[in-house]
Amino acid sequence: MRNLFANRFLHRAAHKALFAGLMLVCVLWSSVHAWVSAPAPVATRTHIGAEWPTQWDGAPLRPLALGDVEQRFARQFPGAMTRMTDGRRTMVMRRVDTPTRMLHPATDCYRALGFKVSDERLVQDAQDRRWRCFTAGKDGMPTLSVCERIEDAQGHAFTDTSAWYWSAVLGDSTGPWQAVTVAAPAT
């Protein structure tokens, strides 16, 4: 029996046609998959309905403006965010409405900004709250002590962002959640 693909031209054409067909199937499948699994639009966006504390550990808070990068980030964030100060410490507070990978450890942010992160540890404060803390240093800038935590609507706290995320996704923790990052000059 004669081999149908003995002609190299027919062999190459058949191979290319098969490859093109497979690529078309992949494109169609990914388009349908993206359409089916696309998240529903969020009805409320970043600054709507957020109530922020007026004091922290007895010290009055004053709002600070978000920087350009923070504003762009906030537009996509599923919740709301603000920066505040008590005159010594700076707080970034985020209300998180749905589980999201956009809420990530503060160590990632500081490293991305060029800080050297060291001395990661868990700390219990005077109010009996547990925090994940670290030291952040950068040439030409004062060394900072940074602490963070996430608290759910029932008062359960997380010091690990990944643990919070999976607990929220699996329904073990319900929101809205409040994530707080506090930065102060290291002592």
N, C-alpha and C. Protein backbone atom coordinates (compact mmCIF):
# COMPACT_ATOMS: atom_id res chain seq x y z
N MET A 1 0.84 -1.17 0.00
CA MET A 1 0.00 0.00 0.00
C MET A 1 0.89 1.23 0.00
N ARG A 2 0.50 2.19 -0.76
CA ARG A 2 1.27 3.40 -0.91
C ARG A 2 1.03 4.34 0.27
N ASN A 3 2.10 4.89 0.81
CA ASN A 3 2.02 5.80 1.94
C ASN A 3 1.50 7.16 1.46
N LEU A 4 0.39 7.64 2.05
CA LEU A 4 -0.21 8.90 1.63
C LEU A 4 0.69 10.08 1.93
N PHE A 5 1.58 9.96 2.91
CA PHE A 5 2.43 11.07 3.30
C PHE A 5 3.85 10.93 2.75
N ALA A 6 3.99 10.10 1.73
CA ALA A 6 5.31 9.95 1.12
C ALA A 6 5.75 11.26 0.48
N ASN A 7 4.81 12.01 -0.03
CA ASN A 7 5.10 13.30 -0.61
C ASN A 7 5.34 14.28 0.54
N ARG A 8 6.52 14.82 0.60
CA ARG A 8 6.88 15.71 1.71
C ARG A 8 5.99 16.96 1.76
N PHE A 9 5.58 17.46 0.62
CA PHE A 9 4.70 18.62 0.60
C PHE A 9 3.37 18.30 1.28
N LEU A 10 2.77 17.14 0.95
CA LEU A 10 1.50 16.76 1.58
C LEU A 10 1.68 16.54 3.07
N HIS A 11 2.82 15.97 3.46
CA HIS A 11 3.10 15.74 4.87
C HIS A 11 3.17 17.06 5.64
N ARG A 12 3.89 18.04 5.07
CA ARG A 12 4.00 19.34 5.73
C ARG A 12 2.65 20.05 5.79
N ALA A 13 1.89 20.01 4.72
CA ALA A 13 0.58 20.67 4.69
C ALA A 13 -0.38 20.05 5.70
N ALA A 14 -0.38 18.73 5.79
CA ALA A 14 -1.27 18.04 6.74
C ALA A 14 -0.86 18.38 8.18
N HIS A 15 0.43 18.41 8.41
CA HIS A 15 0.93 18.73 9.74
C HIS A 15 0.52 20.16 10.14
N LYS A 16 0.68 21.11 9.23
CA LYS A 16 0.31 22.50 9.51
C LYS A 16 -1.19 22.66 9.70
N ALA A 17 -1.98 21.96 8.91
CA ALA A 17 -3.43 22.03 9.05
C ALA A 17 -3.88 21.46 10.40
N LEU A 18 -3.28 20.34 10.81
CA LEU A 18 -3.60 19.75 12.10
C LEU A 18 -3.21 20.71 13.23
N PHE A 19 -2.03 21.31 13.15
CA PHE A 19 -1.57 22.26 14.16
C PHE A 19 -2.51 23.48 14.22
N ALA A 20 -2.90 24.01 13.07
CA ALA A 20 -3.80 25.17 13.04
C ALA A 20 -5.15 24.81 13.66
N GLY A 21 -5.64 23.62 13.39
CA GLY A 21 -6.90 23.17 13.98
C GLY A 21 -6.82 23.07 15.49
N LEU A 22 -5.71 22.51 15.98
CA LEU A 22 -5.53 22.40 17.43
C LEU A 22 -5.43 23.78 18.08
N MET A 23 -4.73 24.71 17.43
CA MET A 23 -4.63 26.07 17.96
C MET A 23 -6.01 26.73 18.03
N LEU A 24 -6.83 26.53 17.01
CA LEU A 24 -8.17 27.09 17.00
C LEU A 24 -9.00 26.53 18.16
N VAL A 25 -8.90 25.23 18.39
CA VAL A 25 -9.61 24.61 19.50
C VAL A 25 -9.14 25.21 20.83
N CYS A 26 -7.83 25.39 20.99
CA CYS A 26 -7.29 25.98 22.23
C CYS A 26 -7.80 27.40 22.45
N VAL A 27 -7.79 28.20 21.39
CA VAL A 27 -8.26 29.59 21.50
C VAL A 27 -9.74 29.61 21.87
N LEU A 28 -10.54 28.79 21.21
CA LEU A 28 -11.97 28.76 21.51
C LEU A 28 -12.22 28.28 22.93
N TRP A 29 -11.51 27.24 23.36
CA TRP A 29 -11.69 26.72 24.71
C TRP A 29 -11.32 27.77 25.74
N SER A 30 -10.19 28.45 25.56
CA SER A 30 -9.79 29.45 26.56
C SER A 30 -10.75 30.63 26.56
N SER A 31 -11.30 31.01 25.41
CA SER A 31 -12.26 32.11 25.37
C SER A 31 -13.53 31.74 26.11
N VAL A 32 -14.03 30.54 25.89
CA VAL A 32 -15.25 30.09 26.57
C VAL A 32 -14.97 29.95 28.07
N HIS A 33 -13.82 29.38 28.42
CA HIS A 33 -13.47 29.22 29.83
C HIS A 33 -13.38 30.58 30.52
N ALA A 34 -12.75 31.57 29.90
CA ALA A 34 -12.62 32.90 30.49
C ALA A 34 -13.99 33.55 30.66
N TRP A 35 -14.88 33.35 29.69
CA TRP A 35 -16.21 33.94 29.76
C TRP A 35 -17.02 33.29 30.87
N VAL A 36 -16.95 31.96 30.99
CA VAL A 36 -17.73 31.24 32.00
C VAL A 36 -17.22 31.54 33.40
N SER A 37 -15.89 31.62 33.57
CA SER A 37 -15.34 31.79 34.91
C SER A 37 -15.04 33.25 35.27
N ALA A 38 -15.45 34.19 34.45
CA ALA A 38 -15.18 35.60 34.74
C ALA A 38 -15.94 36.01 36.00
N PRO A 39 -15.29 36.74 36.91
CA PRO A 39 -15.98 37.16 38.13
C PRO A 39 -17.07 38.17 37.82
N ALA A 40 -18.09 38.14 38.64
CA ALA A 40 -19.17 39.11 38.48
C ALA A 40 -18.63 40.50 38.80
N PRO A 41 -19.13 41.53 38.13
CA PRO A 41 -18.66 42.88 38.44
C PRO A 41 -18.96 43.24 39.89
N VAL A 42 -18.07 43.97 40.50
CA VAL A 42 -18.25 44.40 41.88
C VAL A 42 -19.15 45.64 41.86
N ALA A 43 -20.23 45.59 42.62
CA ALA A 43 -21.20 46.68 42.60
C ALA A 43 -20.66 47.95 43.25
N THR A 44 -19.94 47.78 44.34
CA THR A 44 -19.39 48.96 44.99
C THR A 44 -17.89 49.00 44.78
N ARG A 45 -17.35 50.15 44.62
CA ARG A 45 -15.92 50.30 44.38
C ARG A 45 -15.27 50.94 45.58
N THR A 46 -14.03 51.15 45.45
CA THR A 46 -13.15 51.56 46.54
C THR A 46 -13.69 52.66 47.39
N HIS A 47 -13.96 53.61 47.56
CA HIS A 47 -14.20 54.53 48.65
C HIS A 47 -15.64 54.56 49.14
N ILE A 48 -16.51 53.71 48.63
CA ILE A 48 -17.92 53.78 49.00
C ILE A 48 -18.15 52.99 50.29
N GLY A 49 -18.72 53.64 51.28
CA GLY A 49 -19.16 52.96 52.49
C GLY A 49 -18.07 52.57 53.47
N ALA A 50 -16.87 52.99 53.27
CA ALA A 50 -15.81 52.63 54.22
C ALA A 50 -15.84 53.58 55.40
N GLU A 51 -15.85 53.02 56.58
CA GLU A 51 -15.74 53.83 57.80
C GLU A 51 -14.42 53.47 58.45
N TRP A 52 -13.63 54.47 58.71
CA TRP A 52 -12.30 54.26 59.28
C TRP A 52 -12.28 54.73 60.71
N PRO A 53 -11.44 54.12 61.53
CA PRO A 53 -11.35 54.56 62.93
C PRO A 53 -10.83 55.99 63.03
N THR A 54 -11.22 56.67 64.09
CA THR A 54 -10.73 58.03 64.33
C THR A 54 -9.59 58.04 65.33
N GLN A 55 -9.35 56.88 65.97
CA GLN A 55 -8.22 56.77 66.88
C GLN A 55 -7.67 55.35 66.83
N TRP A 56 -6.42 55.21 67.27
CA TRP A 56 -5.76 53.91 67.29
C TRP A 56 -5.00 53.81 68.60
N ASP A 57 -5.36 52.83 69.39
CA ASP A 57 -4.73 52.63 70.71
C ASP A 57 -4.74 53.91 71.52
N GLY A 58 -5.86 54.66 71.46
CA GLY A 58 -6.02 55.88 72.25
C GLY A 58 -5.47 57.14 71.62
N ALA A 59 -4.74 57.01 70.49
CA ALA A 59 -4.17 58.20 69.83
C ALA A 59 -5.07 58.60 68.66
N PRO A 60 -5.37 59.90 68.53
CA PRO A 60 -6.20 60.35 67.40
C PRO A 60 -5.50 60.11 66.07
N LEU A 61 -6.29 59.76 65.06
CA LEU A 61 -5.75 59.51 63.72
C LEU A 61 -6.10 60.65 62.78
N ARG A 62 -5.19 60.89 61.87
CA ARG A 62 -5.36 61.91 60.83
C ARG A 62 -5.16 61.24 59.48
N PRO A 63 -6.08 61.45 58.52
CA PRO A 63 -5.93 60.82 57.21
C PRO A 63 -4.74 61.39 56.43
N LEU A 64 -4.13 60.54 55.63
CA LEU A 64 -3.06 60.93 54.72
C LEU A 64 -3.51 60.61 53.30
N ALA A 65 -3.03 61.36 52.34
CA ALA A 65 -3.38 61.11 50.94
C ALA A 65 -2.70 59.83 50.45
N LEU A 66 -3.40 59.10 49.60
CA LEU A 66 -2.79 57.94 48.94
C LEU A 66 -1.87 58.45 47.84
N GLY A 67 -0.75 57.79 47.65
CA GLY A 67 0.15 58.13 46.56
C GLY A 67 -0.42 57.68 45.23
N ASP A 68 0.20 58.06 44.12
CA ASP A 68 -0.28 57.70 42.79
C ASP A 68 -0.39 56.19 42.61
N VAL A 69 0.64 55.45 43.04
CA VAL A 69 0.63 54.00 42.89
C VAL A 69 -0.48 53.39 43.74
N GLU A 70 -0.65 53.90 44.97
CA GLU A 70 -1.71 53.41 45.84
C GLU A 70 -3.09 53.70 45.26
N GLN A 71 -3.27 54.85 44.65
CA GLN A 71 -4.56 55.19 44.04
C GLN A 71 -4.89 54.24 42.89
N ARG A 72 -3.90 53.95 42.05
CA ARG A 72 -4.14 53.02 40.94
C ARG A 72 -4.48 51.64 41.48
N PHE A 73 -3.76 51.20 42.50
CA PHE A 73 -4.03 49.91 43.12
C PHE A 73 -5.43 49.89 43.72
N ALA A 74 -5.81 50.96 44.41
CA ALA A 74 -7.11 51.04 45.09
C ALA A 74 -8.28 50.94 44.10
N ARG A 75 -8.09 51.43 42.89
CA ARG A 75 -9.18 51.37 41.90
C ARG A 75 -9.55 49.93 41.56
N GLN A 76 -8.61 49.01 41.66
CA GLN A 76 -8.87 47.61 41.33
C GLN A 76 -9.13 46.74 42.57
N PHE A 77 -8.88 47.29 43.74
CA PHE A 77 -8.96 46.52 44.98
C PHE A 77 -10.41 46.23 45.35
N PRO A 78 -10.73 45.00 45.74
CA PRO A 78 -12.12 44.66 46.10
C PRO A 78 -12.46 45.09 47.53
N GLY A 79 -12.60 46.37 47.72
CA GLY A 79 -12.89 46.92 49.03
C GLY A 79 -12.50 48.38 49.04
N ALA A 80 -11.86 48.81 50.10
CA ALA A 80 -11.45 50.20 50.24
C ALA A 80 -10.13 50.24 50.98
N MET A 81 -9.40 51.34 50.81
CA MET A 81 -8.14 51.49 51.54
C MET A 81 -7.89 52.94 51.87
N THR A 82 -7.13 53.15 52.93
CA THR A 82 -6.77 54.49 53.36
C THR A 82 -5.41 54.44 54.05
N ARG A 83 -4.78 55.59 54.15
CA ARG A 83 -3.56 55.76 54.94
C ARG A 83 -3.87 56.77 56.02
N MET A 84 -3.38 56.49 57.24
CA MET A 84 -3.61 57.39 58.36
C MET A 84 -2.35 57.46 59.21
N THR A 85 -2.29 58.48 60.06
CA THR A 85 -1.16 58.61 60.98
C THR A 85 -1.65 59.09 62.33
N ASP A 86 -0.91 58.70 63.37
CA ASP A 86 -1.16 59.23 64.70
C ASP A 86 -0.06 60.22 65.06
N GLY A 87 0.73 60.62 64.08
CA GLY A 87 1.83 61.54 64.28
C GLY A 87 3.18 60.85 64.41
N ARG A 88 3.17 59.58 64.78
CA ARG A 88 4.40 58.80 64.90
C ARG A 88 4.38 57.59 63.97
N ARG A 89 3.24 56.92 63.93
CA ARG A 89 3.09 55.72 63.11
C ARG A 89 2.25 56.03 61.89
N THR A 90 2.50 55.29 60.81
CA THR A 90 1.67 55.37 59.61
C THR A 90 0.94 54.04 59.47
N MET A 91 -0.37 54.10 59.24
CA MET A 91 -1.18 52.91 59.08
C MET A 91 -1.76 52.87 57.68
N VAL A 92 -1.69 51.72 57.05
CA VAL A 92 -2.44 51.47 55.83
C VAL A 92 -3.54 50.51 56.23
N MET A 93 -4.78 50.97 56.06
CA MET A 93 -5.94 50.16 56.43
C MET A 93 -6.70 49.82 55.16
N ARG A 94 -7.08 48.53 55.09
CA ARG A 94 -7.84 48.07 53.94
C ARG A 94 -9.06 47.31 54.43
N ARG A 95 -10.22 47.68 53.90
CA ARG A 95 -11.42 46.88 54.11
C ARG A 95 -11.50 45.97 52.89
N VAL A 96 -11.55 44.66 53.12
CA VAL A 96 -11.55 43.68 52.04
C VAL A 96 -12.93 43.04 51.98
N ASP A 97 -13.60 43.19 50.84
CA ASP A 97 -14.97 42.69 50.71
C ASP A 97 -15.05 41.24 50.27
N THR A 98 -14.08 40.77 49.50
CA THR A 98 -14.06 39.39 49.01
C THR A 98 -12.63 38.86 49.08
N PRO A 99 -12.48 37.55 49.21
CA PRO A 99 -11.12 36.99 49.20
C PRO A 99 -10.40 37.40 47.91
N THR A 100 -9.15 37.82 48.04
CA THR A 100 -8.41 38.29 46.88
C THR A 100 -6.93 38.05 47.07
N ARG A 101 -6.25 37.79 45.96
CA ARG A 101 -4.79 37.68 45.99
C ARG A 101 -4.14 39.06 45.92
N MET A 102 -4.96 40.11 45.78
CA MET A 102 -4.41 41.47 45.79
C MET A 102 -3.99 41.89 47.20
N LEU A 103 -4.46 41.17 48.20
CA LEU A 103 -4.01 41.41 49.57
C LEU A 103 -2.84 40.45 49.80
N HIS A 104 -1.66 40.99 49.85
CA HIS A 104 -0.46 40.16 49.99
C HIS A 104 0.39 40.68 51.15
N PRO A 105 1.37 39.91 51.58
CA PRO A 105 2.18 40.31 52.74
C PRO A 105 2.88 41.65 52.52
N ALA A 106 2.97 42.43 53.58
CA ALA A 106 3.66 43.73 53.51
C ALA A 106 5.13 43.55 53.16
N THR A 107 5.71 42.41 53.51
CA THR A 107 7.11 42.17 53.14
C THR A 107 7.29 42.25 51.63
N ASP A 108 6.30 41.77 50.87
CA ASP A 108 6.37 41.84 49.40
C ASP A 108 6.41 43.29 48.93
N CYS A 109 5.57 44.13 49.52
CA CYS A 109 5.52 45.55 49.13
C CYS A 109 6.84 46.24 49.44
N TYR A 110 7.34 46.03 50.65
CA TYR A 110 8.58 46.70 51.04
C TYR A 110 9.76 46.23 50.19
N ARG A 111 9.83 44.93 49.92
CA ARG A 111 10.91 44.44 49.06
C ARG A 111 10.80 45.05 47.66
N ALA A 112 9.57 45.15 47.14
CA ALA A 112 9.37 45.73 45.81
C ALA A 112 9.80 47.20 45.78
N LEU A 113 9.74 47.88 46.92
CA LEU A 113 10.15 49.27 47.00
C LEU A 113 11.65 49.42 47.29
N GLY A 114 12.36 48.31 47.33
CA GLY A 114 13.81 48.36 47.51
C GLY A 114 14.29 48.25 48.94
N PHE A 115 13.40 47.93 49.88
CA PHE A 115 13.80 47.79 51.28
C PHE A 115 14.39 46.39 51.51
N LYS A 116 15.30 46.32 52.44
CA LYS A 116 15.81 45.03 52.91
C LYS A 116 14.95 44.65 54.11
N VAL A 117 14.34 43.49 54.05
CA VAL A 117 13.45 43.02 55.10
C VAL A 117 14.22 42.02 55.96
N SER A 118 14.12 42.20 57.29
CA SER A 118 14.80 41.27 58.19
C SER A 118 13.99 41.12 59.48
N ASP A 119 14.45 40.22 60.31
CA ASP A 119 13.89 40.02 61.66
C ASP A 119 12.38 39.78 61.64
N GLU A 120 11.91 38.89 60.76
CA GLU A 120 10.49 38.57 60.74
C GLU A 120 10.13 37.77 61.98
N ARG A 121 9.00 38.14 62.60
CA ARG A 121 8.62 37.51 63.86
C ARG A 121 7.14 37.75 64.15
N LEU A 122 6.59 36.98 65.08
CA LEU A 122 5.24 37.21 65.59
C LEU A 122 5.36 37.97 66.91
N VAL A 123 4.48 38.95 67.11
CA VAL A 123 4.53 39.81 68.29
C VAL A 123 3.14 39.90 68.89
N GLN A 124 3.05 39.85 70.21
CA GLN A 124 1.81 40.08 70.94
C GLN A 124 1.91 41.49 71.52
N ASP A 125 0.94 42.37 71.20
CA ASP A 125 1.03 43.75 71.70
C ASP A 125 0.33 43.91 73.06
N ALA A 126 0.33 45.12 73.57
CA ALA A 126 -0.25 45.41 74.89
C ALA A 126 -1.75 45.17 74.93
N GLN A 127 -2.42 45.21 73.77
CA GLN A 127 -3.86 44.96 73.70
C GLN A 127 -4.15 43.48 73.43
N ASP A 128 -3.13 42.63 73.54
CA ASP A 128 -3.23 41.19 73.35
C ASP A 128 -3.57 40.81 71.90
N ARG A 129 -3.17 41.65 70.96
CA ARG A 129 -3.35 41.35 69.54
C ARG A 129 -2.05 40.75 69.00
N ARG A 130 -2.17 39.75 68.15
CA ARG A 130 -0.99 39.14 67.54
C ARG A 130 -0.74 39.79 66.18
N TRP A 131 0.53 40.09 65.91
CA TRP A 131 0.94 40.75 64.67
C TRP A 131 2.11 39.99 64.05
N ARG A 132 2.22 40.04 62.74
CA ARG A 132 3.44 39.60 62.04
C ARG A 132 4.24 40.87 61.81
N CYS A 133 5.47 40.89 62.33
CA CYS A 133 6.30 42.09 62.27
C CYS A 133 7.62 41.80 61.59
N PHE A 134 8.25 42.86 61.09
CA PHE A 134 9.58 42.77 60.50
C PHE A 134 10.23 44.14 60.54
N THR A 135 11.52 44.16 60.25
CA THR A 135 12.26 45.40 60.15
C THR A 135 12.55 45.65 58.68
N ALA A 136 12.36 46.90 58.24
CA ALA A 136 12.59 47.27 56.84
C ALA A 136 13.61 48.40 56.80
N GLY A 137 14.70 48.19 56.08
CA GLY A 137 15.74 49.20 55.96
C GLY A 137 16.10 49.48 54.53
N LYS A 138 16.44 50.74 54.26
CA LYS A 138 16.82 51.16 52.92
C LYS A 138 17.83 52.29 53.06
N ASP A 139 18.88 52.26 52.23
CA ASP A 139 19.90 53.31 52.30
C ASP A 139 19.27 54.69 52.20
N GLY A 140 19.71 55.57 53.09
CA GLY A 140 19.24 56.95 53.06
C GLY A 140 17.90 57.17 53.73
N MET A 141 17.31 56.11 54.31
CA MET A 141 16.00 56.25 54.96
C MET A 141 16.08 55.65 56.36
N PRO A 142 15.27 56.16 57.28
CA PRO A 142 15.26 55.57 58.62
C PRO A 142 14.74 54.13 58.57
N THR A 143 15.27 53.30 59.44
CA THR A 143 14.81 51.91 59.54
C THR A 143 13.41 51.90 60.16
N LEU A 144 12.55 51.06 59.61
CA LEU A 144 11.16 50.99 60.06
C LEU A 144 10.88 49.66 60.73
N SER A 145 10.00 49.70 61.70
CA SER A 145 9.41 48.50 62.28
C SER A 145 8.00 48.41 61.70
N VAL A 146 7.70 47.32 61.00
CA VAL A 146 6.42 47.18 60.31
C VAL A 146 5.70 45.95 60.87
N CYS A 147 4.42 46.11 61.17
CA CYS A 147 3.60 45.01 61.68
C CYS A 147 2.28 44.97 60.92
N GLU A 148 1.75 43.77 60.75
CA GLU A 148 0.49 43.63 60.01
C GLU A 148 -0.36 42.51 60.59
N ARG A 149 -1.67 42.64 60.33
CA ARG A 149 -2.62 41.60 60.72
C ARG A 149 -3.91 41.80 59.95
N ILE A 150 -4.71 40.76 59.89
CA ILE A 150 -6.02 40.79 59.22
C ILE A 150 -7.04 40.27 60.22
N GLU A 151 -8.17 40.96 60.31
CA GLU A 151 -9.22 40.53 61.23
C GLU A 151 -10.53 40.37 60.47
N ASP A 152 -11.25 39.27 60.75
CA ASP A 152 -12.51 39.05 60.06
C ASP A 152 -13.68 39.66 60.83
N ALA A 153 -14.88 39.52 60.28
CA ALA A 153 -16.07 40.15 60.86
C ALA A 153 -16.41 39.59 62.24
N GLN A 154 -15.95 38.38 62.57
CA GLN A 154 -16.21 37.78 63.88
C GLN A 154 -15.09 38.05 64.88
N GLY A 155 -14.06 38.79 64.48
CA GLY A 155 -12.96 39.12 65.38
C GLY A 155 -11.80 38.14 65.35
N HIS A 156 -11.86 37.13 64.48
CA HIS A 156 -10.74 36.20 64.36
C HIS A 156 -9.62 36.88 63.57
N ALA A 157 -8.39 36.72 64.04
CA ALA A 157 -7.26 37.41 63.43
C ALA A 157 -6.33 36.44 62.71
N PHE A 158 -5.66 36.98 61.69
CA PHE A 158 -4.68 36.24 60.90
C PHE A 158 -3.41 37.07 60.81
N THR A 159 -2.27 36.41 60.95
CA THR A 159 -0.99 37.09 60.75
C THR A 159 -0.33 36.60 59.48
N ASP A 160 -0.94 35.64 58.81
CA ASP A 160 -0.40 35.08 57.57
C ASP A 160 -1.43 35.30 56.47
N THR A 161 -1.06 36.03 55.44
CA THR A 161 -2.00 36.38 54.37
C THR A 161 -2.52 35.15 53.64
N SER A 162 -1.65 34.20 53.39
CA SER A 162 -2.09 32.99 52.70
C SER A 162 -3.10 32.20 53.54
N ALA A 163 -2.86 32.10 54.84
CA ALA A 163 -3.81 31.41 55.72
C ALA A 163 -5.16 32.13 55.71
N TRP A 164 -5.11 33.48 55.73
CA TRP A 164 -6.37 34.24 55.65
C TRP A 164 -7.09 33.94 54.34
N TYR A 165 -6.36 33.99 53.24
CA TYR A 165 -6.97 33.81 51.92
C TYR A 165 -7.70 32.46 51.84
N TRP A 166 -7.02 31.38 52.20
CA TRP A 166 -7.64 30.07 52.09
C TRP A 166 -8.78 29.90 53.07
N SER A 167 -8.68 30.47 54.25
CA SER A 167 -9.78 30.42 55.21
C SER A 167 -10.99 31.17 54.66
N ALA A 168 -10.75 32.31 54.02
CA ALA A 168 -11.85 33.09 53.43
C ALA A 168 -12.45 32.37 52.23
N VAL A 169 -11.62 31.82 51.35
CA VAL A 169 -12.12 31.13 50.16
C VAL A 169 -12.95 29.91 50.55
N LEU A 170 -12.50 29.20 51.57
CA LEU A 170 -13.20 27.98 52.00
C LEU A 170 -14.40 28.27 52.90
N GLY A 171 -14.63 29.55 53.23
CA GLY A 171 -15.79 29.93 54.03
C GLY A 171 -15.59 29.78 55.53
N ASP A 172 -14.37 29.50 55.97
CA ASP A 172 -14.11 29.39 57.41
C ASP A 172 -14.01 30.76 58.07
N SER A 173 -13.78 31.78 57.29
CA SER A 173 -13.69 33.15 57.78
C SER A 173 -14.58 34.01 56.88
N THR A 174 -15.39 34.87 57.51
CA THR A 174 -16.28 35.71 56.71
C THR A 174 -15.93 37.18 56.87
N GLY A 175 -16.23 37.91 55.83
CA GLY A 175 -15.90 39.33 55.81
C GLY A 175 -17.11 40.18 56.06
N PRO A 176 -16.90 41.47 55.90
CA PRO A 176 -15.67 42.07 55.40
C PRO A 176 -14.54 41.93 56.41
N TRP A 177 -13.32 41.96 55.88
CA TRP A 177 -12.12 41.83 56.69
C TRP A 177 -11.43 43.19 56.76
N GLN A 178 -10.70 43.40 57.84
CA GLN A 178 -9.89 44.61 57.94
C GLN A 178 -8.43 44.19 58.04
N ALA A 179 -7.65 44.66 57.09
CA ALA A 179 -6.21 44.41 57.09
C ALA A 179 -5.52 45.71 57.49
N VAL A 180 -4.61 45.62 58.45
CA VAL A 180 -3.91 46.81 58.95
C VAL A 180 -2.42 46.55 58.90
N THR A 181 -1.70 47.50 58.32
CA THR A 181 -0.24 47.49 58.32
C THR A 181 0.20 48.77 59.02
N VAL A 182 1.03 48.61 60.04
CA VAL A 182 1.50 49.76 60.84
C VAL A 182 3.01 49.85 60.68
N ALA A 183 3.49 51.03 60.28
CA ALA A 183 4.93 51.28 60.14
C ALA A 183 5.32 52.41 61.07
N ALA A 184 6.41 52.20 61.81
CA ALA A 184 6.90 53.21 62.75
C ALA A 184 8.42 53.19 62.72
N PRO A 185 9.06 54.31 63.09
CA PRO A 185 10.52 54.29 63.17
C PRO A 185 10.98 53.19 64.14
N ALA A 186 11.97 52.41 63.72
CA ALA A 186 12.48 51.36 64.60
C ALA A 186 13.18 51.97 65.78
N THR A 187 13.03 51.36 66.93
CA THR A 187 13.67 51.86 68.14
C THR A 187 14.87 51.04 68.51
